[in-house]
Amino acid sequence: MSLRTRAAPLAALCLAALVAGAPVRAQQAQPGEAVTVPPATALPGAPQPAAPSRPAAGPALAGSLGVDPGWRAYRARFVTERGRIIDTANGLISHSEGQGYGLLLAVAANDRAAFERIWGWTRANLMVRTDELIAWRWAPDQRPAVSDMNNATDGDILVAWALTEAAEAWGEPSYRTAARRIAVEFGRKTILFKDPHGPLLLPAVAGFSARERADGPLVNLSYWVFPALQRLAIVAPEYDWASLIRSGVGVLRDARFGPSNLPTEWISAKETALRPADGFPPLFSYNAIRVPLYLAWAGIGRPEDYAPFQALWGGIERERLPIVDTRDGKPVEWLSEPGYTALPALVACARDGTPFPESLRTVQDNQNYYPTTLHLLALAAARMRYPSCLRS
């Protein structure tokens, strides 16, 4: 299987985001080592909401995985002693997305000790910008390990969501403060609330706006983490998260490209009619397979919103997922690790009540970081939203 390439365009597009003089704490480590910090050191004293509170929607995450042995295997394989999440198929790097997923899974497993380790490593090694956002990539074989100061908005969203859920579950004020600071910052810097398409979510602070690209703004549908957006009103009620959810569903409905009616990874929102972005392969690929995961996890969307994914995943090839060229609707590559197939199982569960296959109710060993993560996320989503699909 090819290495996962979701974040590669960010480094090429976003060199302008380098911050001169930023306090890059990760550079203080010895070669091969990462900085670690004591737990729960986020500064207290969250600012008061600037607008009347909007109620959060969606069920709480904490405990949804229960004592699933899949989390223990995940923790042993991908979480270092210091809390770094290792992307095993991507040069053993770490990224803000992976740290966010690790934090979410730790809350879902009620594993506060692991949460503290992952959060501590994230703060010390990725929160090195001059604002509250998170540098997107940490490479163990580079010095400095963080060579690109740009953020990745989905990573910021995942971390803020995980901190919100941890604060709700464990009553730790510093988590709530940190969640709010991240959410307010990416809301201010990456959400275009006045776009004609409705609120749009830029994939990063730098590199994707109309000022920076001729086909901009660019969006990536997989960055709309719908269940997170349902919960961030807990910490940042001044933002209209519901409108951002609606716009994401609207983009999904308008981004039906080619005979397969699937979205591409990168989408130009410059014109009224959305189109695949310039300079990127027009593929439904590693990023976009998460779109139906987030839809189902949030419990939103109409049957027709899921239909292209169900059509793609409902054929004779049920043991692997295709990467599709949207120009002709044909597969160009296959994702063959079994964890990926938890996504079609979740969609079938959400739309038709189809029980999860027995083989997918436990996580298999010896898979890479990404399919294992998606498998555990799909199980957490099913237990939160569709528990009947997991009953014997």
Protein backbone atom coordinates (compact mmCIF):
# COMPACT_ATOMS: atom_id res chain seq x y z
CA MET A 1 0.00 0.00 0.00
CA SER A 2 1.24 3.48 -0.79
CA LEU A 3 2.15 5.81 2.01
CA ARG A 4 -0.67 7.99 3.17
CA THR A 5 -0.33 11.41 1.49
CA ARG A 6 -3.01 13.54 3.10
CA ALA A 7 -0.71 16.20 4.52
CA ALA A 8 1.97 16.35 1.85
CA PRO A 9 0.42 19.31 -0.06
CA LEU A 10 0.46 21.42 3.09
CA ALA A 11 4.24 21.57 3.28
CA ALA A 12 4.56 22.58 -0.36
CA LEU A 13 1.84 25.19 -0.24
CA CYS A 14 2.43 26.74 3.12
CA LEU A 15 6.05 27.80 3.53
CA ALA A 16 4.76 31.30 4.14
CA ALA A 17 3.48 30.12 7.51
CA LEU A 18 6.97 29.79 9.01
CA VAL A 19 7.09 31.93 12.11
CA ALA A 20 10.35 33.76 12.70
CA GLY A 21 11.48 33.62 16.29
CA ALA A 22 8.75 31.22 17.46
CA PRO A 23 9.62 29.33 20.65
CA VAL A 24 10.23 25.93 19.08
CA ARG A 25 10.42 23.82 22.23
CA ALA A 26 10.88 20.59 20.30
CA GLN A 27 14.34 21.78 19.22
CA GLN A 28 15.57 21.60 22.80
CA ALA A 29 15.48 17.80 22.84
CA GLN A 30 18.47 15.59 22.34
CA PRO A 31 18.71 13.84 18.95
CA GLY A 32 15.96 11.25 18.65
CA GLU A 33 14.18 12.50 21.75
CA ALA A 34 11.04 14.60 22.16
CA VAL A 35 10.33 17.06 24.91
CA THR A 36 7.88 16.01 27.57
CA VAL A 37 6.13 18.25 30.10
CA PRO A 38 4.19 17.66 33.30
CA PRO A 39 0.49 16.88 32.85
CA ALA A 40 -2.37 19.37 32.98
CA THR A 41 -0.35 22.58 32.72
CA ALA A 42 -2.70 24.54 30.47
CA LEU A 43 -3.18 27.96 31.99
CA PRO A 44 -6.42 28.44 33.94
CA GLY A 45 -8.96 31.21 33.59
CA ALA A 46 -10.95 30.72 30.38
CA PRO A 47 -12.43 33.97 29.03
CA GLN A 48 -16.16 34.42 29.33
CA PRO A 49 -18.26 33.69 26.24
CA ALA A 50 -18.78 36.74 24.08
CA ALA A 51 -22.29 35.72 23.06
CA PRO A 52 -25.26 33.85 24.54
CA SER A 53 -24.55 30.17 24.92
CA ARG A 54 -25.72 27.74 22.26
CA PRO A 55 -26.45 24.23 23.53
CA ALA A 56 -24.10 21.50 22.33
CA ALA A 57 -25.56 18.56 20.45
CA GLY A 58 -24.48 14.97 20.29
CA PRO A 59 -23.70 12.32 22.89
CA ALA A 60 -20.61 12.41 25.07
CA LEU A 61 -17.59 10.42 23.94
CA ALA A 62 -16.18 9.29 27.29
CA GLY A 63 -16.34 5.56 27.93
CA SER A 64 -17.78 4.68 24.54
CA LEU A 65 -15.03 2.11 23.90
CA GLY A 66 -15.37 0.64 27.36
CA VAL A 67 -12.60 -1.87 28.05
CA ASP A 68 -12.13 -2.75 24.39
CA PRO A 69 -8.83 -4.65 24.02
CA GLY A 70 -8.37 -2.84 20.72
CA TRP A 71 -7.42 0.31 22.61
CA ARG A 72 -4.83 -1.51 24.68
CA ALA A 73 -3.30 -2.94 21.51
CA TYR A 74 -3.41 0.50 19.87
CA ARG A 75 -1.73 2.10 22.86
CA ALA A 76 1.02 -0.51 22.88
CA ARG A 77 1.68 -0.26 19.14
CA PHE A 78 1.29 3.42 18.33
CA VAL A 79 1.62 5.46 21.55
CA THR A 80 5.15 5.96 22.86
CA GLU A 81 5.95 6.18 26.56
CA ARG A 82 6.06 9.96 26.21
CA GLY A 83 2.77 10.20 24.30
CA ARG A 84 3.77 10.50 20.67
CA ILE A 85 1.38 8.84 18.19
CA ILE A 86 3.44 7.12 15.49
CA ASP A 87 2.17 6.98 11.88
CA THR A 88 3.73 3.66 10.97
CA ALA A 89 3.06 3.87 7.21
CA ASN A 90 4.26 7.46 6.84
CA GLY A 91 7.91 7.50 7.80
CA LEU A 92 7.14 7.09 11.55
CA ILE A 93 6.19 10.77 11.74
CA SER A 94 3.64 12.27 14.10
CA HIS A 95 1.06 14.88 13.23
CA SER A 96 -1.63 16.92 14.90
CA GLU A 97 -4.35 14.72 13.43
CA GLY A 98 -2.80 11.61 14.97
CA GLN A 99 -2.36 13.27 18.34
CA GLY A 100 -6.01 14.34 18.18
CA TYR A 101 -7.19 10.85 17.35
CA GLY A 102 -5.08 9.40 20.14
CA LEU A 103 -6.58 11.84 22.63
CA LEU A 104 -10.11 11.01 21.47
CA LEU A 105 -9.53 7.28 21.77
CA ALA A 106 -8.03 7.70 25.24
CA VAL A 107 -11.17 9.54 26.39
CA ALA A 108 -13.36 6.90 24.72
CA ALA A 109 -11.44 4.24 26.69
CA ASN A 110 -11.51 6.28 29.94
CA ASP A 111 -7.71 6.10 29.97
CA ARG A 112 -6.74 9.36 31.63
CA ALA A 113 -3.10 8.39 32.13
CA ALA A 114 -2.64 7.84 28.39
CA PHE A 115 -4.55 11.05 27.67
CA GLU A 116 -2.16 13.02 29.87
CA ARG A 117 0.86 11.55 28.11
CA ILE A 118 -0.49 12.29 24.64
CA TRP A 119 -1.58 15.81 25.58
CA GLY A 120 1.74 16.54 27.28
CA TRP A 121 3.74 15.48 24.21
CA THR A 122 1.44 17.49 21.94
CA ARG A 123 1.86 20.65 23.99
CA ALA A 124 5.62 20.32 24.23
CA ASN A 125 6.36 19.37 20.63
CA LEU A 126 3.59 20.64 18.34
CA MET A 127 2.23 23.72 20.11
CA VAL A 128 5.26 25.75 19.02
CA ARG A 129 3.58 28.49 17.00
CA THR A 130 3.07 32.02 18.27
CA ASP A 131 -0.70 31.44 18.46
CA GLU A 132 -2.86 28.70 20.02
CA LEU A 133 -2.84 26.41 16.98
CA ILE A 134 -0.84 23.23 16.47
CA ALA A 135 1.99 22.66 14.01
CA TRP A 136 0.88 19.85 11.76
CA ARG A 137 3.96 17.61 11.41
CA TRP A 138 6.82 16.27 13.56
CA ALA A 139 9.50 14.15 11.91
CA PRO A 140 11.88 12.09 14.07
CA ASP A 141 14.68 12.20 11.47
CA GLN A 142 14.73 15.99 11.00
CA ARG A 143 16.19 18.85 13.00
CA PRO A 144 14.21 20.79 13.82
CA ALA A 145 11.60 18.07 14.01
CA VAL A 146 8.94 20.69 13.22
CA SER A 147 10.11 22.20 9.94
CA ASP A 148 6.79 23.70 8.82
CA MET A 149 4.92 25.94 11.24
CA ASN A 150 1.64 25.72 9.37
CA ASN A 151 -1.29 24.12 11.14
CA ALA A 152 -3.79 21.54 9.88
CA THR A 153 -7.29 22.59 10.84
CA ASP A 154 -8.60 19.06 11.24
CA GLY A 155 -5.86 18.37 13.76
CA ASP A 156 -6.82 21.50 15.70
CA ILE A 157 -10.48 20.46 15.65
CA LEU A 158 -9.72 16.92 16.85
CA VAL A 159 -7.52 18.10 19.71
CA ALA A 160 -10.03 20.76 20.80
CA TRP A 161 -12.83 18.19 20.69
CA ALA A 162 -10.84 15.66 22.71
CA LEU A 163 -10.00 18.28 25.34
CA THR A 164 -13.67 19.26 25.52
CA GLU A 165 -14.72 15.65 26.08
CA ALA A 166 -11.98 15.15 28.67
CA ALA A 167 -13.06 18.27 30.55
CA GLU A 168 -16.66 17.06 30.56
CA ALA A 169 -15.69 13.56 31.67
CA TRP A 170 -13.04 14.31 34.27
CA GLY A 171 -13.85 17.83 35.43
CA GLU A 172 -10.39 19.23 34.67
CA PRO A 173 -10.59 23.03 34.11
CA SER A 174 -7.26 23.22 32.28
CA TYR A 175 -8.62 20.94 29.53
CA ARG A 176 -11.60 23.23 29.02
CA THR A 177 -9.36 26.28 28.90
CA ALA A 178 -7.03 24.72 26.35
CA ALA A 179 -9.96 23.48 24.24
CA ARG A 180 -11.48 26.94 24.18
CA ARG A 181 -8.24 28.62 23.20
CA ILE A 182 -7.70 26.29 20.27
CA ALA A 183 -11.33 26.47 19.11
CA VAL A 184 -11.48 30.25 19.29
CA GLU A 185 -8.21 30.54 17.39
CA PHE A 186 -9.02 28.24 14.49
CA GLY A 187 -12.51 29.74 14.34
CA ARG A 188 -10.99 33.18 13.96
CA LYS A 189 -8.29 32.19 11.49
CA THR A 190 -9.67 29.36 9.35
CA ILE A 191 -13.48 29.69 9.16
CA LEU A 192 -14.79 31.93 6.37
CA PHE A 193 -18.21 32.75 7.76
CA LYS A 194 -19.23 35.10 4.93
CA ASP A 195 -18.46 32.93 1.92
CA PRO A 196 -21.30 32.64 -0.67
CA HIS A 197 -21.31 28.86 -0.14
CA GLY A 198 -21.91 29.37 3.57
CA PRO A 199 -19.22 29.09 6.23
CA LEU A 200 -16.14 27.39 4.79
CA LEU A 201 -13.34 25.70 6.67
CA LEU A 202 -9.86 26.42 5.35
CA PRO A 203 -7.53 23.41 5.72
CA ALA A 204 -4.83 25.62 7.29
CA VAL A 205 -4.07 29.20 8.17
CA ALA A 206 -1.70 29.52 5.21
CA GLY A 207 -1.86 28.24 1.66
CA PHE A 208 -5.53 27.79 0.77
CA SER A 209 -7.27 31.19 0.68
CA ALA A 210 -8.39 33.19 -2.35
CA ARG A 211 -5.47 35.55 -1.74
CA GLU A 212 -2.97 32.70 -1.99
CA ARG A 213 -4.38 30.58 -4.81
CA ALA A 214 -5.95 31.45 -8.13
CA ASP A 215 -8.58 28.74 -7.55
CA GLY A 216 -9.01 29.57 -3.86
CA PRO A 217 -10.48 29.17 -1.42
CA LEU A 218 -9.73 25.47 -1.30
CA VAL A 219 -11.54 23.11 1.05
CA ASN A 220 -11.22 19.47 2.04
CA LEU A 221 -14.48 17.85 3.13
CA SER A 222 -12.75 15.46 5.50
CA TYR A 223 -11.74 18.43 7.66
CA TRP A 224 -15.41 18.93 8.61
CA VAL A 225 -15.33 16.70 11.69
CA PHE A 226 -19.10 16.87 12.18
CA PRO A 227 -19.34 15.20 15.63
CA ALA A 228 -16.67 17.58 16.92
CA LEU A 229 -18.53 20.60 15.59
CA GLN A 230 -21.61 19.44 17.48
CA ARG A 231 -19.71 19.57 20.76
CA LEU A 232 -17.46 22.62 20.52
CA ALA A 233 -20.28 24.93 21.58
CA ILE A 234 -19.48 23.70 25.09
CA VAL A 235 -16.23 25.67 25.07
CA ALA A 236 -16.75 28.29 22.34
CA PRO A 237 -20.46 29.11 22.28
CA GLU A 238 -19.97 32.41 20.43
CA TYR A 239 -19.46 30.57 17.13
CA ASP A 240 -22.36 29.25 15.07
CA TRP A 241 -21.11 25.69 14.75
CA ALA A 242 -24.48 24.51 13.42
CA SER A 243 -24.10 26.74 10.38
CA LEU A 244 -20.66 25.26 9.72
CA ILE A 245 -22.18 21.78 9.87
CA ARG A 246 -24.89 22.80 7.40
CA SER A 247 -22.36 24.28 5.01
CA GLY A 248 -20.26 21.12 5.13
CA VAL A 249 -23.27 19.01 4.19
CA GLY A 250 -24.02 21.53 1.45
CA VAL A 251 -20.49 21.24 0.07
CA LEU A 252 -20.85 17.45 0.11
CA ARG A 253 -24.04 17.66 -1.93
CA ASP A 254 -22.46 20.04 -4.45
CA ALA A 255 -19.15 18.15 -4.75
CA ARG A 256 -20.43 15.16 -6.70
CA PHE A 257 -17.84 14.75 -9.41
CA GLY A 258 -17.81 12.36 -12.35
CA PRO A 259 -19.81 9.18 -12.85
CA SER A 260 -19.22 8.03 -9.28
CA ASN A 261 -20.66 11.23 -7.73
CA LEU A 262 -17.80 11.27 -5.22
CA PRO A 263 -15.93 14.27 -3.78
CA THR A 264 -12.26 14.79 -4.51
CA GLU A 265 -9.75 15.35 -1.74
CA TRP A 266 -9.21 19.02 -2.60
CA ILE A 267 -12.04 21.20 -3.87
CA SER A 268 -12.05 24.70 -5.34
CA ALA A 269 -14.82 26.93 -3.98
CA LYS A 270 -13.86 29.94 -6.10
CA GLU A 271 -16.96 29.80 -8.31
CA THR A 272 -20.57 29.05 -7.53
CA ALA A 273 -20.09 25.55 -8.95
CA LEU A 274 -17.54 23.60 -6.96
CA ARG A 275 -14.83 21.75 -8.89
CA PRO A 276 -11.70 19.68 -8.21
CA ALA A 277 -8.80 21.92 -7.19
CA ASP A 278 -5.96 22.69 -9.58
CA GLY A 279 -2.70 20.84 -9.16
CA PHE A 280 -4.11 17.93 -7.18
CA PRO A 281 -5.07 14.49 -8.55
CA PRO A 282 -8.91 14.40 -8.77
CA LEU A 283 -9.13 11.41 -6.45
CA PHE A 284 -11.52 10.14 -3.82
CA SER A 285 -8.77 8.91 -1.54
CA TYR A 286 -7.23 8.65 1.94
CA ASN A 287 -8.81 11.82 3.28
CA ALA A 288 -12.25 11.55 1.78
CA ILE A 289 -13.03 8.07 3.11
CA ARG A 290 -13.52 9.79 6.48
CA VAL A 291 -16.44 11.91 5.23
CA PRO A 292 -19.12 9.21 5.73
CA LEU A 293 -17.49 8.26 9.04
CA TYR A 294 -18.07 11.78 10.34
CA LEU A 295 -21.58 11.99 8.86
CA ALA A 296 -22.64 8.74 10.51
CA TRP A 297 -20.89 9.59 13.78
CA ALA A 298 -22.81 12.86 13.97
CA GLY A 299 -26.08 11.18 12.96
CA ILE A 300 -26.73 13.72 10.22
CA GLY A 301 -27.48 13.69 6.52
CA ARG A 302 -30.15 12.25 4.25
CA PRO A 303 -30.01 8.78 2.66
CA GLU A 304 -28.88 10.32 -0.63
CA ASP A 305 -25.86 11.84 1.12
CA TYR A 306 -24.62 8.33 1.88
CA ALA A 307 -25.68 6.79 -1.43
CA PRO A 308 -22.42 7.34 -3.41
CA PHE A 309 -20.37 5.79 -0.62
CA GLN A 310 -22.71 2.84 -0.23
CA ALA A 311 -22.66 2.29 -4.00
CA LEU A 312 -18.86 2.37 -4.02
CA TRP A 313 -18.47 0.06 -1.05
CA GLY A 314 -21.38 -2.28 -1.69
CA GLY A 315 -20.01 -4.23 -4.66
CA ILE A 316 -18.19 -7.52 -4.85
CA GLU A 317 -14.98 -6.02 -3.42
CA ARG A 318 -15.96 -6.02 0.24
CA GLU A 319 -12.56 -6.75 1.77
CA ARG A 320 -10.76 -3.65 0.52
CA LEU A 321 -11.60 -0.03 -0.29
CA PRO A 322 -10.86 1.61 -3.64
CA ILE A 323 -9.17 4.92 -4.30
CA VAL A 324 -11.16 6.31 -7.21
CA ASP A 325 -10.31 8.67 -10.06
CA THR A 326 -13.44 10.80 -10.16
CA ARG A 327 -12.98 11.59 -13.86
CA ASP A 328 -13.98 8.09 -14.91
CA GLY A 329 -15.08 6.50 -11.62
CA LYS A 330 -12.46 3.74 -11.83
CA PRO A 331 -10.26 2.49 -9.00
CA VAL A 332 -6.58 3.39 -9.23
CA GLU A 333 -5.44 1.75 -5.99
CA TRP A 334 -6.84 -0.37 -3.18
CA LEU A 335 -6.71 -0.03 0.59
CA SER A 336 -6.44 -3.63 1.69
CA GLU A 337 -5.85 -3.54 5.45
CA PRO A 338 -9.01 -4.82 7.15
CA GLY A 339 -9.49 -1.82 9.44
CA TYR A 340 -10.61 0.27 6.48
CA THR A 341 -13.67 -1.93 6.00
CA ALA A 342 -15.07 -0.74 9.32
CA LEU A 343 -16.14 2.41 7.46
CA PRO A 344 -18.57 0.64 5.09
CA ALA A 345 -19.79 -1.36 8.09
CA LEU A 346 -20.56 1.84 10.00
CA VAL A 347 -22.38 3.38 7.02
CA ALA A 348 -24.48 0.24 6.54
CA CYS A 349 -25.25 0.26 10.25
CA ALA A 350 -26.24 3.93 10.25
CA ARG A 351 -28.41 3.80 7.15
CA ASP A 352 -29.91 0.30 7.21
CA GLY A 353 -29.35 -1.05 10.73
CA THR A 354 -27.05 -3.73 9.33
CA PRO A 355 -25.16 -5.43 12.18
CA PHE A 356 -21.40 -5.05 12.27
CA PRO A 357 -19.73 -8.19 10.93
CA GLU A 358 -18.29 -10.28 13.75
CA SER A 359 -14.83 -9.99 12.21
CA LEU A 360 -14.94 -6.19 12.64
CA ARG A 361 -16.06 -6.09 16.25
CA THR A 362 -12.45 -6.50 17.34
CA VAL A 363 -9.36 -4.75 15.99
CA GLN A 364 -6.81 -6.93 14.25
CA ASP A 365 -3.14 -6.69 15.14
CA ASN A 366 -0.31 -5.89 12.74
CA GLN A 367 -2.08 -3.12 10.88
CA ASN A 368 -0.74 0.36 10.32
CA TYR A 369 -1.73 3.44 12.29
CA TYR A 370 -4.38 4.82 9.92
CA PRO A 371 -6.62 1.77 9.32
CA THR A 372 -6.37 0.81 12.99
CA THR A 373 -7.38 4.31 14.03
CA LEU A 374 -10.32 4.39 11.62
CA HIS A 375 -11.47 0.99 12.89
CA LEU A 376 -11.49 2.13 16.52
CA LEU A 377 -13.20 5.41 15.61
CA ALA A 378 -15.90 3.52 13.72
CA LEU A 379 -16.48 1.26 16.72
CA ALA A 380 -16.70 4.26 19.05
CA ALA A 381 -19.17 5.93 16.68
CA ALA A 382 -21.31 2.81 16.49
CA ARG A 383 -21.39 2.41 20.27
CA MET A 384 -22.32 6.06 20.73
CA ARG A 385 -24.96 6.31 17.99
CA TYR A 386 -26.02 2.82 16.87
CA PRO A 387 -25.41 0.31 19.70
CA SER A 388 -27.95 -2.13 18.29
CA CYS A 389 -25.59 -2.83 15.38
CA LEU A 390 -23.07 -4.32 17.82
CA ARG A 391 -25.44 -6.57 19.75
CA SER A 392 -25.11 -10.30 19.23
